[in-house]
């Protein structure tokens, strides 16, 4: 085959480029493992609400946690309908920051000081910027970040929690309470249902999961969002089936009644919510479906 001088020069120029292209072996990249966003921030009127991923954990045998009062057949059928494995469940631990413009308020503190401090920093803040820490209830995965070996994690913060909740744990012989909350007792302000954390942030009783478990309604410029904490700990096995018993609910009948009352209100008023253990970023809506509810994860709705 005869090549013109111009064609030969073009082929020669392309040769180094071809030689530099990686082979399949040299182009292989290392596996990185599962990746998930660490925070999500949305506007709410004049406020900003940021959910923080302070930890995740997988647990085996989910029916030892959820749906304890239904048959294995029913549990498996509901799980299959919703594309859920029945051998494992993934938990998410999601404290929430609310920036009112004048105060930075943290709701719950995760499992430990390191986790919540890193989550706050990943969201662009620091622990010493937190003005108030509000504890929805006093299970270990909500109070774990309050105190560490170096003392309190939020040195500049005031603390708030429900009076009923604090009174219960004060009278219980609970190691987590004694280590994490008791050293800060003098700094806590106690709230009743309807009590105010700040202008636009109101405590809502939702007892059952613990004796004084609280939700918090956030309102600004006509916009609302409710932090439901552990009212419902799974989008299908708890929220969608509010009467299914959950191992961690201390008063199971009371917890189910609170679920129906609060979820019914959220569905009727179309108020968005943040659930502490919902799949991250833990923001969504509730709709009535049959005898229960449906969790609808928020897409771009809260960004508008």
Protein backbone atom coordinates (compact mmCIF):
# COMPACT_ATOMS: atom_id res chain seq x y z
CA UNK A 1 0.00 0.00 0.00
CA UNK A 2 1.41 3.39 -1.01
CA UNK A 3 0.94 6.29 1.44
CA UNK A 4 1.31 9.94 0.62
CA UNK A 5 3.89 11.90 2.61
CA UNK A 6 1.06 13.78 4.42
CA UNK A 7 -0.73 10.52 5.45
CA UNK A 8 2.51 9.01 6.69
CA UNK A 9 3.24 12.04 8.86
CA UNK A 10 -0.30 11.91 10.32
CA UNK A 11 0.08 8.27 11.27
CA UNK A 12 3.43 8.95 12.84
CA UNK A 13 2.03 11.77 14.95
CA UNK A 14 -0.81 9.57 16.22
CA UNK A 15 1.50 6.73 17.29
CA UNK A 16 2.70 8.29 20.60
CA UNK A 17 -0.91 9.03 21.57
CA UNK A 18 -1.95 5.43 20.95
CA UNK A 19 1.04 4.19 22.90
CA UNK A 20 0.06 6.39 25.86
CA UNK A 21 -3.48 5.02 26.12
CA UNK A 22 -3.84 2.82 29.24
CA UNK A 23 -4.40 -0.88 28.94
CA UNK A 24 -7.30 -2.48 30.81
CA UNK A 25 -4.96 -3.63 33.57
CA UNK A 26 -3.25 -0.29 34.16
CA UNK A 27 -6.60 1.58 34.12
CA UNK A 28 -8.18 -0.50 36.91
CA UNK A 29 -9.15 1.60 39.96
CA UNK A 30 -9.39 0.44 43.54
CA UNK A 31 -12.77 -0.39 45.01
CA UNK A 32 -13.98 2.41 47.31
CA UNK A 33 -16.90 0.74 49.09
CA UNK A 34 -20.33 2.23 49.68
CA UNK A 35 -20.56 6.02 49.45
CA UNK A 36 -23.25 8.25 50.93
CA UNK A 37 -23.63 11.99 51.39
CA UNK A 38 -22.82 13.27 54.87
CA UNK A 39 -25.31 16.14 55.08
CA UNK A 40 -28.22 17.79 53.34
CA UNK A 41 -29.25 21.41 53.78
CA UNK A 42 -32.59 22.88 52.69
CA UNK A 43 -34.28 26.24 53.27
CA UNK A 44 -37.38 26.48 55.42
CA UNK A 45 -38.73 30.00 55.18
CA UNK A 46 -36.04 32.14 56.80
CA UNK A 47 -34.39 29.11 58.44
CA UNK A 48 -31.96 26.50 57.13
CA UNK A 49 -32.39 22.85 58.12
CA UNK A 50 -29.40 20.50 57.79
CA UNK A 51 -29.61 16.76 58.39
CA UNK A 52 -26.34 15.18 59.51
CA UNK A 53 -25.27 11.58 58.97
CA UNK A 54 -23.59 10.82 62.29
CA UNK A 55 -23.33 7.06 61.71
CA UNK A 56 -24.79 3.95 60.11
CA UNK A 57 -25.03 0.35 61.27
CA UNK A 58 -26.40 -2.92 59.89
CA UNK A 59 -28.34 -5.31 62.11
CA UNK A 60 -29.33 -8.91 61.45
CA UNK A 61 -32.72 -10.56 61.94
CA UNK A 62 -34.88 -7.43 61.54
CA UNK A 63 -38.04 -9.14 62.78
CA UNK A 64 -36.49 -9.32 66.21
CA UNK A 65 -36.68 -5.49 66.06
CA UNK A 66 -39.73 -4.67 63.90
CA UNK A 67 -43.09 -6.39 63.46
CA UNK A 68 -42.67 -8.44 66.59
CA UNK A 69 -46.44 -8.91 66.87
CA UNK A 70 -47.05 -10.22 63.32
CA UNK A 71 -46.37 -13.57 61.75
CA UNK A 72 -43.18 -14.35 59.89
CA UNK A 73 -45.27 -14.87 56.75
CA UNK A 74 -46.81 -11.38 56.98
CA UNK A 75 -43.46 -9.79 57.74
CA UNK A 76 -41.83 -11.52 54.76
CA UNK A 77 -44.72 -10.65 52.43
CA UNK A 78 -44.62 -6.95 53.29
CA UNK A 79 -40.83 -6.96 52.98
CA UNK A 80 -40.91 -8.59 49.55
CA UNK A 81 -43.54 -6.10 48.31
CA UNK A 82 -41.16 -3.30 49.29
CA UNK A 83 -37.94 -4.89 47.96
CA UNK A 84 -36.52 -5.30 51.47
CA UNK A 85 -34.23 -8.13 52.58
CA UNK A 86 -35.48 -10.01 55.61
CA UNK A 87 -32.09 -11.01 56.98
CA UNK A 88 -30.61 -7.52 57.57
CA UNK A 89 -31.62 -3.92 58.18
CA UNK A 90 -29.54 -0.75 57.82
CA UNK A 91 -29.89 1.90 60.51
CA UNK A 92 -29.06 5.56 60.02
CA UNK A 93 -28.39 8.04 62.83
CA UNK A 94 -29.42 11.54 61.79
CA UNK A 95 -29.14 14.54 64.13
CA UNK A 96 -30.46 17.80 62.67
CA UNK A 97 -29.15 21.36 62.74
CA UNK A 98 -31.55 24.29 62.47
CA UNK A 99 -30.04 27.68 61.73
CA UNK A 100 -32.58 30.37 62.60
CA UNK A 101 -30.29 33.20 61.53
CA UNK A 102 -29.66 34.14 65.14
CA UNK A 103 -29.05 30.69 66.67
CA UNK A 104 -27.62 27.36 65.56
CA UNK A 105 -29.67 24.62 67.22
CA UNK A 106 -28.72 20.93 67.24
CA UNK A 107 -31.35 18.24 67.77
CA UNK A 108 -29.77 15.07 69.23
CA UNK A 109 -26.10 14.16 69.27
CA UNK A 110 -25.62 10.73 67.73
CA UNK A 111 -23.63 7.83 69.13
CA UNK A 112 -20.44 9.53 70.27
CA UNK A 113 -18.59 12.87 70.32
CA UNK A 114 -16.34 12.02 67.38
CA UNK A 115 -19.21 11.12 65.10
CA UNK A 116 -21.30 14.23 65.77
CA UNK A 117 -18.31 16.59 65.70
CA UNK A 118 -17.20 15.24 62.33
CA UNK A 119 -20.75 15.38 60.95
CA UNK A 120 -21.10 19.02 61.99
CA UNK A 121 -17.75 19.87 60.42
CA UNK A 122 -18.67 18.04 57.20
CA UNK A 123 -21.73 20.33 57.04
CA UNK A 124 -19.55 23.44 57.30
CA UNK A 125 -19.94 24.29 60.99
CA UNK A 126 -18.01 23.58 64.19
CA UNK A 127 -19.20 22.25 67.54
CA UNK A 128 -18.38 25.52 69.30
CA UNK A 129 -20.84 27.36 67.01
CA UNK A 130 -23.81 25.39 68.40
CA UNK A 131 -25.93 27.66 70.61
CA UNK A 132 -28.47 25.10 71.84
CA UNK A 133 -28.60 21.32 72.01
CA UNK A 134 -32.10 19.80 72.19
CA UNK A 135 -32.48 16.14 73.19
CA UNK A 136 -35.66 14.52 71.84
CA UNK A 137 -35.27 11.54 74.18
CA UNK A 138 -32.51 9.88 76.13
CA UNK A 139 -31.67 6.63 74.37
CA UNK A 140 -27.93 6.17 73.96
CA UNK A 141 -27.82 6.93 70.23
CA UNK A 142 -29.28 10.38 70.89
CA UNK A 143 -27.23 11.46 73.92
CA UNK A 144 -23.97 9.70 73.04
CA UNK A 145 -22.28 12.82 71.65
CA UNK A 146 -22.96 15.08 74.65
CA UNK A 147 -19.86 14.18 76.62
CA UNK A 148 -16.46 12.67 75.90
CA UNK A 149 -13.17 12.11 77.69
CA UNK A 150 -12.39 15.80 77.32
CA UNK A 151 -15.67 16.93 78.84
CA UNK A 152 -18.73 18.38 77.11
CA UNK A 153 -18.68 18.43 73.33
CA UNK A 154 -20.67 21.67 72.93
CA UNK A 155 -18.90 24.02 75.29
CA UNK A 156 -20.84 27.13 74.25
CA UNK A 157 -24.30 25.56 74.16
CA UNK A 158 -27.35 25.62 76.39
CA UNK A 159 -29.30 22.34 76.71
CA UNK A 160 -33.02 21.58 76.48
CA UNK A 161 -35.14 18.45 76.81
CA UNK A 162 -38.60 17.28 77.87
CA UNK A 163 -39.30 17.42 81.60
CA UNK A 164 -41.12 14.07 81.60
CA UNK A 165 -38.22 12.43 79.79
CA UNK A 166 -35.57 13.85 82.10
CA UNK A 167 -37.55 12.94 85.21
CA UNK A 168 -37.87 9.33 84.06
CA UNK A 169 -34.18 8.81 83.39
CA UNK A 170 -33.17 10.68 86.53
CA UNK A 171 -34.95 8.00 88.50
CA UNK A 172 -33.58 5.09 86.47
CA UNK A 173 -30.26 3.42 87.13
CA UNK A 174 -29.00 4.07 83.61
CA UNK A 175 -25.28 4.27 82.85
CA UNK A 176 -25.70 6.36 79.69
CA UNK A 177 -27.74 8.97 81.52
CA UNK A 178 -25.28 9.11 84.40
CA UNK A 179 -22.30 9.51 82.04
CA UNK A 180 -23.75 11.80 79.39
CA UNK A 181 -26.63 13.82 80.86
CA UNK A 182 -26.22 14.00 84.64
CA UNK A 183 -22.97 16.04 84.49
CA UNK A 184 -24.89 18.68 82.50
CA UNK A 185 -28.07 18.72 84.61
CA UNK A 186 -27.59 22.27 85.85
CA UNK A 187 -27.40 23.53 82.25
CA UNK A 188 -30.66 21.92 81.09
CA UNK A 189 -33.93 23.77 80.55
CA UNK A 190 -36.97 21.49 80.86
CA UNK A 191 -39.81 21.64 78.32
CA UNK A 192 -43.45 20.61 78.40
CA UNK A 193 -45.53 19.92 75.32
CA UNK A 194 -46.08 23.23 73.54
CA UNK A 195 -42.89 24.66 75.03
CA UNK A 196 -40.64 26.85 72.90
CA UNK A 197 -37.04 26.04 71.99
CA UNK A 198 -36.78 29.32 70.07
CA UNK A 199 -39.15 31.49 68.09
CA UNK A 200 -40.76 29.14 65.57
CA UNK A 201 -39.65 25.86 67.22
CA UNK A 202 -42.20 24.09 69.42
CA UNK A 203 -42.11 20.85 71.42
CA UNK A 204 -44.82 18.29 70.55
CA UNK A 205 -45.53 15.37 72.88
CA UNK A 206 -45.20 11.97 71.23
CA UNK A 207 -44.82 9.66 74.21
CA UNK A 208 -44.40 5.89 73.94
CA UNK A 209 -41.03 5.23 72.39
CA UNK A 210 -39.77 6.55 75.72
CA UNK A 211 -41.88 8.03 78.54
CA UNK A 212 -41.26 11.63 77.46
CA UNK A 213 -40.31 11.33 73.79
CA UNK A 214 -40.74 14.68 71.99
CA UNK A 215 -41.19 15.77 68.39
CA UNK A 216 -40.42 19.34 67.33
CA UNK A 217 -42.35 21.49 64.87
CA UNK A 218 -40.19 23.95 62.95
CA UNK A 219 -42.02 26.95 61.42
CA UNK A 220 -40.71 29.96 59.53
CA UNK A 221 -42.40 32.35 57.10
CA UNK A 222 -45.39 30.05 56.64
CA UNK A 223 -43.29 26.91 56.05
CA UNK A 224 -43.37 23.93 58.39
CA UNK A 225 -41.31 20.78 59.00
CA UNK A 226 -41.51 18.33 61.89
CA UNK A 227 -38.61 16.47 63.47
CA UNK A 228 -40.21 13.16 64.45
CA UNK A 229 -37.10 11.66 66.10
CA UNK A 230 -37.88 7.97 66.84
CA UNK A 231 -41.64 8.16 66.40
CA UNK A 232 -41.19 5.73 63.47
CA UNK A 233 -37.85 4.00 63.04
CA UNK A 234 -38.27 2.45 59.60
CA UNK A 235 -40.13 3.65 56.49
CA UNK A 236 -41.96 0.34 55.96
CA UNK A 237 -41.74 -1.79 59.10
CA UNK A 238 -42.77 1.08 61.39
CA UNK A 239 -44.12 4.16 59.59
CA UNK A 240 -46.17 2.28 56.99
CA UNK A 241 -47.34 -0.24 59.61
CA UNK A 242 -47.84 1.95 62.72
CA UNK A 243 -49.31 -0.90 64.79
CA UNK A 244 -46.32 -3.19 64.28
CA UNK A 245 -44.43 -3.47 67.55
CA UNK A 246 -40.87 -2.18 67.73
CA UNK A 247 -38.45 -3.64 70.26
CA UNK A 248 -37.08 -0.26 71.27
CA UNK A 249 -40.51 1.23 72.07
CA UNK A 250 -40.78 1.18 75.85
CA UNK A 251 -44.59 1.53 75.80
CA UNK A 252 -45.57 -0.29 72.62
CA UNK A 253 -49.27 0.59 72.68
CA UNK A 254 -48.47 4.21 73.52
CA UNK A 255 -45.91 4.41 70.72
CA UNK A 256 -48.39 3.03 68.19
CA UNK A 257 -51.00 5.57 69.30
CA UNK A 258 -48.49 8.41 68.96
CA UNK A 259 -47.53 7.18 65.49
CA UNK A 260 -51.12 7.20 64.30
CA UNK A 261 -51.83 10.63 65.78
CA UNK A 262 -48.69 12.41 64.52
CA UNK A 263 -48.45 10.66 61.14
CA UNK A 264 -52.13 11.33 60.53
CA UNK A 265 -51.57 15.03 61.18
CA UNK A 266 -48.52 15.16 58.90
CA UNK A 267 -50.44 13.42 56.12
CA UNK A 268 -53.53 15.61 56.48
CA UNK A 269 -51.56 18.87 56.56
CA UNK A 270 -48.91 17.72 54.05
CA UNK A 271 -46.13 18.75 56.41
CA UNK A 272 -42.64 17.39 55.58
CA UNK A 273 -40.69 15.54 58.24
CA UNK A 274 -37.24 14.40 59.29
CA UNK A 275 -37.01 10.95 60.86
CA UNK A 276 -33.89 10.18 62.88
CA UNK A 277 -33.56 6.62 61.53
CA UNK A 278 -35.03 7.09 58.06
CA UNK A 279 -32.72 6.36 55.10
CA UNK A 280 -30.43 9.36 54.75
CA UNK A 281 -30.99 12.27 54.12
CA UNK A 282 -34.01 11.31 56.24
CA UNK A 283 -36.35 13.97 54.80
CA UNK A 284 -39.74 13.09 53.40
CA UNK A 285 -43.52 13.23 53.46
CA UNK A 286 -46.28 11.02 54.82
CA UNK A 287 -49.38 9.92 52.90
CA UNK A 288 -52.30 7.85 54.12
CA UNK A 289 -52.42 4.42 52.48
CA UNK A 290 -55.13 1.95 53.41
CA UNK A 291 -55.03 1.30 57.15
CA UNK A 292 -51.52 2.77 57.45
CA UNK A 293 -49.22 5.26 55.81
CA UNK A 294 -46.60 5.60 53.10
CA UNK A 295 -43.23 7.31 53.45
CA UNK A 296 -42.39 9.44 50.40
CA UNK A 297 -38.73 10.52 50.37
CA UNK A 298 -38.26 14.19 49.55
CA UNK A 299 -36.70 14.95 46.18
CA UNK A 300 -36.37 18.56 45.16
CA UNK A 301 -39.59 19.74 46.88
CA UNK A 302 -37.81 21.19 49.92
CA UNK A 303 -35.27 22.98 47.77
CA UNK A 304 -37.81 25.29 46.15
